[in-house]
Amino acid sequence: SDEKILVFQSSMALLTNSTTNVNEPVNHEFVITVNPEMISVNFDNADSIKIIDMNGIVIFDKKATEPNISIPNTFIAGTYICVIKTGDREYSQKFQVVR
């Protein structure tokens, strides 16, 4: 039959009549280290790196030439998203700068 299942979780509603799963594991090689003077991002086979603030403004954008990228930590205190592009995929990770 074509029964629909309505699932409520927090403020999200999902209508489905099939099961889904995640086929690919999260990349565990994506490591961000935040120090007072420097932010280090380690990711194998990265094409580019972006850092986006919580307002959606890109504050850092660079083509990656090596797996370990060091960025001067001149950011104000807050939460940021680091986006790594590799091939046709993008990986993102949240990090915080505390002053």
PDB file of N, CA and C in Angstrom:
ATOM      1  N   SER A   1       0.834  -1.180   0.000  1.00  0.00           N
ATOM      2  CA  SER A   1       0.000   0.000   0.000  1.00  0.00           C
ATOM      3  C   SER A   1       0.877   1.240   0.000  1.00  0.00           C
ATOM      4  N   ASP A   2       0.303   2.379  -0.305  1.00  0.00           N
ATOM      5  CA  ASP A   2       1.015   3.652  -0.346  1.00  0.00           C
ATOM      6  C   ASP A   2       0.735   4.464   0.908  1.00  0.00           C
ATOM      7  N   GLU A   3       0.877   3.849   2.058  1.00  0.00           N
ATOM      8  CA  GLU A   3       0.630   4.558   3.306  1.00  0.00           C
ATOM      9  C   GLU A   3       1.735   5.557   3.562  1.00  0.00           C
ATOM     10  N   LYS A   4       1.366   6.702   4.078  1.00  0.00           N
ATOM     11  CA  LYS A   4       2.322   7.736   4.448  1.00  0.00           C
ATOM     12  C   LYS A   4       2.492   7.710   5.951  1.00  0.00           C
ATOM     13  N   ILE A   5       3.714   7.890   6.383  1.00  0.00           N
ATOM     14  CA  ILE A   5       4.009   7.945   7.809  1.00  0.00           C
ATOM     15  C   ILE A   5       4.399   9.380   8.128  1.00  0.00           C
ATOM     16  N   LEU A   6       3.763   9.971   9.113  1.00  0.00           N
ATOM     17  CA  LEU A   6       4.061  11.331   9.524  1.00  0.00           C
ATOM     18  C   LEU A   6       4.870  11.255  10.807  1.00  0.00           C
ATOM     19  N   VAL A   7       6.088  11.779  10.761  1.00  0.00           N
ATOM     20  CA  VAL A   7       6.977  11.726  11.912  1.00  0.00           C
ATOM     21  C   VAL A   7       7.270  13.154  12.348  1.00  0.00           C
ATOM     22  N   PHE A   8       7.031  13.477  13.622  1.00  0.00           N
ATOM     23  CA  PHE A   8       7.359  14.795  14.163  1.00  0.00           C
ATOM     24  C   PHE A   8       8.574  14.665  15.058  1.00  0.00           C
ATOM     25  N   GLN A   9       9.558  15.518  14.798  1.00  0.00           N
ATOM     26  CA  GLN A   9      10.753  15.550  15.632  1.00  0.00           C
ATOM     27  C   GLN A   9      11.135  17.012  15.787  1.00  0.00           C
ATOM     28  N   SER A  10      11.068  17.525  16.976  1.00  0.00           N
ATOM     29  CA  SER A  10      11.257  18.951  17.250  1.00  0.00           C
ATOM     30  C   SER A  10      10.248  19.728  16.423  1.00  0.00           C
ATOM     31  N   SER A  11      10.718  20.558  15.491  1.00  0.00           N
ATOM     32  CA  SER A  11       9.796  21.334  14.675  1.00  0.00           C
ATOM     33  C   SER A  11       9.843  20.899  13.218  1.00  0.00           C
ATOM     34  N   MET A  12      10.229  19.652  12.980  1.00  0.00           N
ATOM     35  CA  MET A  12      10.367  19.157  11.618  1.00  0.00           C
ATOM     36  C   MET A  12       9.332  18.061  11.362  1.00  0.00           C
ATOM     37  N   ALA A  13       8.723  18.074  10.195  1.00  0.00           N
ATOM     38  CA  ALA A  13       7.792  17.019   9.800  1.00  0.00           C
ATOM     39  C   ALA A  13       8.355  16.318   8.578  1.00  0.00           C
ATOM     40  N   LEU A  14       8.270  15.015   8.551  1.00  0.00           N
ATOM     41  CA  LEU A  14       8.814  14.224   7.462  1.00  0.00           C
ATOM     42  C   LEU A  14       7.735  13.291   6.945  1.00  0.00           C
ATOM     43  N   LEU A  15       7.438  13.365   5.668  1.00  0.00           N
ATOM     44  CA  LEU A  15       6.502  12.448   5.038  1.00  0.00           C
ATOM     45  C   LEU A  15       7.309  11.449   4.223  1.00  0.00           C
ATOM     46  N   THR A  16       7.122  10.184   4.512  1.00  0.00           N
ATOM     47  CA  THR A  16       7.901   9.174   3.805  1.00  0.00           C
ATOM     48  C   THR A  16       7.132   7.870   3.702  1.00  0.00           C
ATOM     49  N   ASN A  17       7.416   7.112   2.652  1.00  0.00           N
ATOM     50  CA  ASN A  17       6.872   5.763   2.552  1.00  0.00           C
ATOM     51  C   ASN A  17       7.996   4.770   2.264  1.00  0.00           C
ATOM     52  N   SER A  18       9.236   5.205   2.513  1.00  0.00           N
ATOM     53  CA  SER A  18      10.375   4.317   2.339  1.00  0.00           C
ATOM     54  C   SER A  18      11.430   4.658   3.384  1.00  0.00           C
ATOM     55  N   THR A  19      12.359   3.780   3.554  1.00  0.00           N
ATOM     56  CA  THR A  19      13.442   4.024   4.502  1.00  0.00           C
ATOM     57  C   THR A  19      14.640   4.601   3.752  1.00  0.00           C
ATOM     58  N   THR A  20      15.423   5.375   4.454  1.00  0.00           N
ATOM     59  CA  THR A  20      16.637   5.946   3.870  1.00  0.00           C
ATOM     60  C   THR A  20      17.787   5.692   4.819  1.00  0.00           C
ATOM     61  N   ASN A  21      18.986   5.796   4.290  1.00  0.00           N
ATOM     62  CA  ASN A  21      20.162   5.684   5.143  1.00  0.00           C
ATOM     63  C   ASN A  21      21.298   6.497   4.530  1.00  0.00           C
ATOM     64  N   VAL A  22      22.342   6.693   5.301  1.00  0.00           N
ATOM     65  CA  VAL A  22      23.514   7.409   4.829  1.00  0.00           C
ATOM     66  C   VAL A  22      24.473   6.372   4.271  1.00  0.00           C
ATOM     67  N   ASN A  23      24.825   6.523   3.003  1.00  0.00           N
ATOM     68  CA  ASN A  23      25.692   5.544   2.354  1.00  0.00           C
ATOM     69  C   ASN A  23      27.172   5.806   2.566  1.00  0.00           C
ATOM     70  N   GLU A  24      27.530   7.061   2.842  1.00  0.00           N
ATOM     71  CA  GLU A  24      28.934   7.395   2.957  1.00  0.00           C
ATOM     72  C   GLU A  24      29.248   7.898   4.356  1.00  0.00           C
ATOM     73  N   PRO A  25      30.358   7.476   4.928  1.00  0.00           N
ATOM     74  CA  PRO A  25      30.715   7.940   6.265  1.00  0.00           C
ATOM     75  C   PRO A  25      31.198   9.391   6.226  1.00  0.00           C
ATOM     76  N   VAL A  26      31.102  10.065   7.362  1.00  0.00           N
ATOM     77  CA  VAL A  26      31.636  11.413   7.491  1.00  0.00           C
ATOM     78  C   VAL A  26      33.163  11.334   7.398  1.00  0.00           C
ATOM     79  N   ASN A  27      33.777  12.300   6.725  1.00  0.00           N
ATOM     80  CA  ASN A  27      35.224  12.294   6.562  1.00  0.00           C
ATOM     81  C   ASN A  27      35.891  12.655   7.886  1.00  0.00           C
ATOM     82  N   HIS A  28      36.618  11.709   8.467  1.00  0.00           N
ATOM     83  CA  HIS A  28      37.279  11.920   9.746  1.00  0.00           C
ATOM     84  C   HIS A  28      38.651  12.565   9.590  1.00  0.00           C
ATOM     85  N   GLU A  29      39.048  12.847   8.351  1.00  0.00           N
ATOM     86  CA  GLU A  29      40.337  13.485   8.111  1.00  0.00           C
ATOM     87  C   GLU A  29      40.230  15.006   8.140  1.00  0.00           C
ATOM     88  N   PHE A  30      39.071  15.555   8.412  1.00  0.00           N
ATOM     89  CA  PHE A  30      38.829  16.988   8.456  1.00  0.00           C
ATOM     90  C   PHE A  30      39.084  17.448   9.891  1.00  0.00           C
ATOM     91  N   VAL A  31      40.227  18.095  10.123  1.00  0.00           N
ATOM     92  CA  VAL A  31      40.606  18.503  11.473  1.00  0.00           C
ATOM     93  C   VAL A  31      40.874  20.000  11.482  1.00  0.00           C
ATOM     94  N   ILE A  32      40.221  20.714  12.399  1.00  0.00           N
ATOM     95  CA  ILE A  32      40.453  22.138  12.589  1.00  0.00           C
ATOM     96  C   ILE A  32      41.040  22.342  13.984  1.00  0.00           C
ATOM     97  N   THR A  33      42.155  23.064  14.057  1.00  0.00           N
ATOM     98  CA  THR A  33      42.788  23.398  15.326  1.00  0.00           C
ATOM     99  C   THR A  33      42.824  24.916  15.440  1.00  0.00           C
ATOM    100  N   VAL A  34      42.217  25.443  16.501  1.00  0.00           N
ATOM    101  CA  VAL A  34      42.156  26.892  16.697  1.00  0.00           C
ATOM    102  C   VAL A  34      43.084  27.267  17.841  1.00  0.00           C
ATOM    103  N   ASN A  35      44.088  28.082  17.527  1.00  0.00           N
ATOM    104  CA  ASN A  35      45.005  28.636  18.513  1.00  0.00           C
ATOM    105  C   ASN A  35      44.834  30.151  18.513  1.00  0.00           C
ATOM    106  N   PRO A  36      45.319  30.847  19.544  1.00  0.00           N
ATOM    107  CA  PRO A  36      45.142  32.306  19.584  1.00  0.00           C
ATOM    108  C   PRO A  36      45.716  33.038  18.368  1.00  0.00           C
ATOM    109  N   GLU A  37      46.820  32.551  17.808  1.00  0.00           N
ATOM    110  CA  GLU A  37      47.449  33.231  16.679  1.00  0.00           C
ATOM    111  C   GLU A  37      47.154  32.592  15.332  1.00  0.00           C
ATOM    112  N   MET A  38      46.822  31.312  15.308  1.00  0.00           N
ATOM    113  CA  MET A  38      46.728  30.590  14.040  1.00  0.00           C
ATOM    114  C   MET A  38      45.586  29.568  14.076  1.00  0.00           C
ATOM    115  N   ILE A  39      44.914  29.415  12.930  1.00  0.00           N
ATOM    116  CA  ILE A  39      43.907  28.362  12.735  1.00  0.00           C
ATOM    117  C   ILE A  39      44.486  27.399  11.710  1.00  0.00           C
ATOM    118  N   SER A  40      44.564  26.125  12.060  1.00  0.00           N
ATOM    119  CA  SER A  40      45.083  25.110  11.147  1.00  0.00           C
ATOM    120  C   SER A  40      43.944  24.221  10.687  1.00  0.00           C
ATOM    121  N   VAL A  41      43.875  23.995   9.378  1.00  0.00           N
ATOM    122  CA  VAL A  41      42.872  23.115   8.790  1.00  0.00           C
ATOM    123  C   VAL A  41      43.614  22.013   8.060  1.00  0.00           C
ATOM    124  N   ASN A  42      43.291  20.766   8.397  1.00  0.00           N
ATOM    125  CA  ASN A  42      43.940  19.627   7.774  1.00  0.00           C
ATOM    126  C   ASN A  42      42.885  18.799   7.055  1.00  0.00           C
ATOM    127  N   PHE A  43      43.061  18.643   5.741  1.00  0.00           N
ATOM    128  CA  PHE A  43      42.119  17.873   4.933  1.00  0.00           C
ATOM    129  C   PHE A  43      42.850  17.407   3.672  1.00  0.00           C
ATOM    130  N   ASP A  44      42.935  16.100   3.470  1.00  0.00           N
ATOM    131  CA  ASP A  44      43.596  15.565   2.275  1.00  0.00           C
ATOM    132  C   ASP A  44      42.759  15.822   1.029  1.00  0.00           C
ATOM    133  N   ASN A  45      43.405  16.124  -0.071  1.00  0.00           N
ATOM    134  CA  ASN A  45      42.786  16.309  -1.389  1.00  0.00           C
ATOM    135  C   ASN A  45      41.792  17.455  -1.443  1.00  0.00           C
ATOM    136  N   ALA A  46      42.029  18.522  -0.695  1.00  0.00           N
ATOM    137  CA  ALA A  46      41.135  19.683  -0.736  1.00  0.00           C
ATOM    138  C   ALA A  46      41.460  20.529  -1.963  1.00  0.00           C
ATOM    139  N   ASP A  47      40.417  21.029  -2.625  1.00  0.00           N
ATOM    140  CA  ASP A  47      40.590  21.952  -3.747  1.00  0.00           C
ATOM    141  C   ASP A  47      40.551  23.395  -3.275  1.00  0.00           C
ATOM    142  N   SER A  48      39.645  23.699  -2.344  1.00  0.00           N
ATOM    143  CA  SER A  48      39.535  25.058  -1.830  1.00  0.00           C
ATOM    144  C   SER A  48      38.998  25.038  -0.411  1.00  0.00           C
ATOM    145  N   ILE A  49      39.198  26.152   0.277  1.00  0.00           N
ATOM    146  CA  ILE A  49      38.729  26.304   1.651  1.00  0.00           C
ATOM    147  C   ILE A  49      38.064  27.660   1.781  1.00  0.00           C
ATOM    148  N   LYS A  50      36.942  27.691   2.493  1.00  0.00           N
ATOM    149  CA  LYS A  50      36.242  28.940   2.785  1.00  0.00           C
ATOM    150  C   LYS A  50      35.922  28.961   4.268  1.00  0.00           C
ATOM    151  N   ILE A  51      35.951  30.157   4.832  1.00  0.00           N
ATOM    152  CA  ILE A  51      35.471  30.352   6.193  1.00  0.00           C
ATOM    153  C   ILE A  51      34.347  31.372   6.106  1.00  0.00           C
ATOM    154  N   ILE A  52      33.210  30.994   6.679  1.00  0.00           N
ATOM    155  CA  ILE A  52      31.997  31.794   6.595  1.00  0.00           C
ATOM    156  C   ILE A  52      31.541  32.131   8.009  1.00  0.00           C
ATOM    157  N   ASP A  53      31.181  33.403   8.232  1.00  0.00           N
ATOM    158  CA  ASP A  53      30.679  33.757   9.557  1.00  0.00           C
ATOM    159  C   ASP A  53      29.199  33.396   9.658  1.00  0.00           C
ATOM    160  N   MET A  54      28.616  33.585  10.821  1.00  0.00           N
ATOM    161  CA  MET A  54      27.235  33.168  11.043  1.00  0.00           C
ATOM    162  C   MET A  54      26.214  34.052  10.320  1.00  0.00           C
ATOM    163  N   ASN A  55      26.664  35.148   9.718  1.00  0.00           N
ATOM    164  CA  ASN A  55      25.787  35.980   8.893  1.00  0.00           C
ATOM    165  C   ASN A  55      25.814  35.545   7.435  1.00  0.00           C
ATOM    166  N   GLY A  56      26.609  34.501   7.133  1.00  0.00           N
ATOM    167  CA  GLY A  56      26.697  33.996   5.772  1.00  0.00           C
ATOM    168  C   GLY A  56      27.716  34.715   4.912  1.00  0.00           C
ATOM    169  N   ILE A  57      28.543  35.551   5.514  1.00  0.00           N
ATOM    170  CA  ILE A  57      29.548  36.312   4.775  1.00  0.00           C
ATOM    171  C   ILE A  57      30.840  35.499   4.700  1.00  0.00           C
ATOM    172  N   VAL A  58      31.359  35.324   3.483  1.00  0.00           N
ATOM    173  CA  VAL A  58      32.619  34.608   3.292  1.00  0.00           C
ATOM    174  C   VAL A  58      33.742  35.547   3.709  1.00  0.00           C
ATOM    175  N   ILE A  59      34.484  35.162   4.749  1.00  0.00           N
ATOM    176  CA  ILE A  59      35.551  36.033   5.240  1.00  0.00           C
ATOM    177  C   ILE A  59      36.939  35.508   4.879  1.00  0.00           C
ATOM    178  N   PHE A  60      36.996  34.293   4.346  1.00  0.00           N
ATOM    179  CA  PHE A  60      38.262  33.731   3.880  1.00  0.00           C
ATOM    180  C   PHE A  60      37.947  32.771   2.750  1.00  0.00           C
ATOM    181  N   ASP A  61      38.667  32.882   1.641  1.00  0.00           N
ATOM    182  CA  ASP A  61      38.452  32.010   0.486  1.00  0.00           C
ATOM    183  C   ASP A  61      39.800  31.815  -0.191  1.00  0.00           C
ATOM    184  N   LYS A  62      40.247  30.560  -0.263  1.00  0.00           N
ATOM    185  CA  LYS A  62      41.572  30.294  -0.803  1.00  0.00           C
ATOM    186  C   LYS A  62      41.595  28.940  -1.499  1.00  0.00           C
ATOM    187  N   LYS A  63      42.325  28.864  -2.591  1.00  0.00           N
ATOM    188  CA  LYS A  63      42.561  27.595  -3.266  1.00  0.00           C
ATOM    189  C   LYS A  63      43.567  26.808  -2.428  1.00  0.00           C
ATOM    190  N   ALA A  64      43.296  25.546  -2.198  1.00  0.00           N
ATOM    191  CA  ALA A  64      44.174  24.716  -1.372  1.00  0.00           C
ATOM    192  C   ALA A  64      45.273  24.107  -2.231  1.00  0.00           C
ATOM    193  N   THR A  65      46.507  24.240  -1.763  1.00  0.00           N
ATOM    194  CA  THR A  65      47.648  23.675  -2.488  1.00  0.00           C
ATOM    195  C   THR A  65      48.344  22.584  -1.698  1.00  0.00           C
ATOM    196  N   GLU A  66      47.957  22.419  -0.443  1.00  0.00           N
ATOM    197  CA  GLU A  66      48.543  21.385   0.405  1.00  0.00           C
ATOM    198  C   GLU A  66      47.502  20.922   1.417  1.00  0.00           C
ATOM    199  N   PRO A  67      47.696  19.762   2.040  1.00  0.00           N
ATOM    200  CA  PRO A  67      46.667  19.232   2.951  1.00  0.00           C
ATOM    201  C   PRO A  67      46.549  19.983   4.272  1.00  0.00           C
ATOM    202  N   ASN A  68      47.581  20.721   4.694  1.00  0.00           N
ATOM    203  CA  ASN A  68      47.519  21.463   5.944  1.00  0.00           C
ATOM    204  C   ASN A  68      47.613  22.946   5.638  1.00  0.00           C
ATOM    205  N   ILE A  69      46.556  23.684   5.954  1.00  0.00           N
ATOM    206  CA  ILE A  69      46.481  25.108   5.658  1.00  0.00           C
ATOM    207  C   ILE A  69      46.476  25.870   6.976  1.00  0.00           C
ATOM    208  N   SER A  70      47.348  26.874   7.082  1.00  0.00           N
ATOM    209  CA  SER A  70      47.402  27.721   8.271  1.00  0.00           C
ATOM    210  C   SER A  70      46.863  29.094   7.919  1.00  0.00           C
ATOM    211  N   ILE A  71      45.963  29.591   8.762  1.00  0.00           N
ATOM    212  CA  ILE A  71      45.305  30.873   8.546  1.00  0.00           C
ATOM    213  C   ILE A  71      45.554  31.727   9.783  1.00  0.00           C
ATOM    214  N   PRO A  72      46.047  32.968   9.611  1.00  0.00           N
ATOM    215  CA  PRO A  72      46.201  33.837  10.787  1.00  0.00           C
ATOM    216  C   PRO A  72      44.857  34.046  11.480  1.00  0.00           C
ATOM    217  N   ASN A  73      44.842  33.889  12.792  1.00  0.00           N
ATOM    218  CA  ASN A  73      43.601  34.024  13.564  1.00  0.00           C
ATOM    219  C   ASN A  73      43.388  35.490  13.931  1.00  0.00           C
ATOM    220  N   THR A  74      42.816  36.224  12.990  1.00  0.00           N
ATOM    221  CA  THR A  74      42.487  37.632  13.223  1.00  0.00           C
ATOM    222  C   THR A  74      40.978  37.812  13.365  1.00  0.00           C
ATOM    223  N   PHE A  75      40.244  36.712  13.503  1.00  0.00           N
ATOM    224  CA  PHE A  75      38.790  36.758  13.593  1.00  0.00           C
ATOM    225  C   PHE A  75      38.351  37.208  14.981  1.00  0.00           C
ATOM    226  N   ILE A  76      37.221  37.914  15.015  1.00  0.00           N
ATOM    227  CA  ILE A  76      36.652  38.290  16.310  1.00  0.00           C
ATOM    228  C   ILE A  76      36.037  37.040  16.940  1.00  0.00           C
ATOM    229  N   ALA A  77      35.779  37.104  18.222  1.00  0.00           N
ATOM    230  CA  ALA A  77      35.175  35.966  18.912  1.00  0.00           C
ATOM    231  C   ALA A  77      33.823  35.645  18.291  1.00  0.00           C
ATOM    232  N   GLY A  78      33.578  34.362  18.083  1.00  0.00           N
ATOM    233  CA  GLY A  78      32.308  33.939  17.507  1.00  0.00           C
ATOM    234  C   GLY A  78      32.378  32.560  16.914  1.00  0.00           C
ATOM    235  N   THR A  79      31.309  32.168  16.243  1.00  0.00           N
ATOM    236  CA  THR A  79      31.189  30.854  15.618  1.00  0.00           C
ATOM    237  C   THR A  79      31.326  31.006  14.111  1.00  0.00           C
ATOM    238  N   TYR A  80      32.070  30.110  13.507  1.00  0.00           N
ATOM    239  CA  TYR A  80      32.342  30.147  12.077  1.00  0.00           C
ATOM    240  C   TYR A  80      32.132  28.766  11.481  1.00  0.00           C
ATOM    241  N   ILE A  81      31.941  28.726  10.162  1.00  0.00           N
ATOM    242  CA  ILE A  81      31.820  27.475   9.421  1.00  0.00           C
ATOM    243  C   ILE A  81      32.994  27.407   8.451  1.00  0.00           C
ATOM    244  N   CYS A  82      33.714  26.298   8.489  1.00  0.00           N
ATOM    245  CA  CYS A  82      34.798  26.052   7.542  1.00  0.00           C
ATOM    246  C   CYS A  82      34.258  25.081   6.491  1.00  0.00           C
ATOM    247  N   VAL A  83      34.344  25.474   5.214  1.00  0.00           N
ATOM    248  CA  VAL A  83      33.842  24.653   4.113  1.00  0.00           C
ATOM    249  C   VAL A  83      35.021  24.246   3.240  1.00  0.00           C
ATOM    250  N   ILE A  84      35.185  22.938   3.078  1.00  0.00           N
ATOM    251  CA  ILE A  84      36.234  22.386   2.227  1.00  0.00           C
ATOM    252  C   ILE A  84      35.575  21.806   0.985  1.00  0.00           C
ATOM    253  N   LYS A  85      36.083  22.177  -0.171  1.00  0.00           N
ATOM    254  CA  LYS A  85      35.585  21.601  -1.421  1.00  0.00           C
ATOM    255  C   LYS A  85      36.653  20.661  -1.965  1.00  0.00           C
ATOM    256  N   THR A  86      36.232  19.451  -2.319  1.00  0.00           N
ATOM    257  CA  THR A  86      37.122  18.470  -2.920  1.00  0.00           C
ATOM    258  C   THR A  86      36.343  17.777  -4.035  1.00  0.00           C
ATOM    259  N   GLY A  87      36.778  17.985  -5.261  1.00  0.00           N
ATOM    260  CA  GLY A  87      36.039  17.444  -6.399  1.00  0.00           C
ATOM    261  C   GLY A  87      34.662  18.077  -6.462  1.00  0.00           C
ATOM    262  N   ASP A  88      33.622  17.244  -6.539  1.00  0.00           N
ATOM    263  CA  ASP A  88      32.252  17.765  -6.578  1.00  0.00           C
ATOM    264  C   ASP A  88      31.562  17.691  -5.215  1.00  0.00           C
ATOM    265  N   ARG A  89      32.337  17.506  -4.159  1.00  0.00           N
ATOM    266  CA  ARG A  89      31.780  17.398  -2.812  1.00  0.00           C
ATOM    267  C   ARG A  89      32.250  18.552  -1.934  1.00  0.00           C
ATOM    268  N   GLU A  90      31.418  18.892  -0.954  1.00  0.00           N
ATOM    269  CA  GLU A  90      31.770  19.899   0.028  1.00  0.00           C
ATOM    270  C   GLU A  90      31.570  19.317   1.426  1.00  0.00           C
ATOM    271  N   TYR A  91      32.512  19.613   2.304  1.00  0.00           N
ATOM    272  CA  TYR A  91      32.433  19.204   3.694  1.00  0.00           C
ATOM    273  C   TYR A  91      32.481  20.466   4.537  1.00  0.00           C
ATOM    274  N   SER A  92      31.714  20.509   5.607  1.00  0.00           N
ATOM    275  CA  SER A  92      31.731  21.694   6.464  1.00  0.00           C
ATOM    276  C   SER A  92      31.853  21.277   7.914  1.00  0.00           C
ATOM    277  N   GLN A  93      32.429  22.169   8.674  1.00  0.00           N
ATOM    278  CA  GLN A  93      32.608  21.928  10.102  1.00  0.00           C
ATOM    279  C   GLN A  93      32.547  23.262  10.829  1.00  0.00           C
ATOM    280  N   LYS A  94      31.864  23.273  11.949  1.00  0.00           N
ATOM    281  CA  LYS A  94      31.734  24.483  12.755  1.00  0.00           C
ATOM    282  C   LYS A  94      32.932  24.575  13.703  1.00  0.00           C
ATOM    283  N   PHE A  95      33.417  25.801  13.934  1.00  0.00           N
ATOM    284  CA  PHE A  95      34.428  26.013  14.954  1.00  0.00           C
ATOM    285  C   PHE A  95      34.185  27.361  15.625  1.00  0.00           C
ATOM    286  N   GLN A  96      34.769  27.531  16.803  1.00  0.00           N
ATOM    287  CA  GLN A  96      34.580  28.766  17.547  1.00  0.00           C
ATOM    288  C   GLN A  96      35.909  29.425  17.843  1.00  0.00           C
ATOM    289  N   VAL A  97      35.888  30.743  17.813  1.00  0.00           N
ATOM    290  CA  VAL A  97      37.032  31.540  18.226  1.00  0.00           C
ATOM    291  C   VAL A  97      36.632  32.207  19.532  1.00  0.00           C
ATOM    292  N   VAL A  98      37.426  31.988  20.571  1.00  0.00           N
ATOM    293  CA  VAL A  98      37.164  32.559  21.888  1.00  0.00           C
ATOM    294  C   VAL A  98      38.321  33.487  22.224  1.00  0.00           C
ATOM    295  N   ARG A  99      38.003  34.689  22.614  1.00  0.00           N
ATOM    296  CA  ARG A  99      39.047  35.671  22.977  1.00  0.00           C
ATOM    297  C   ARG A  99      38.987  35.967  24.459  1.00  0.00           C
TER     298      ARG A  99
END
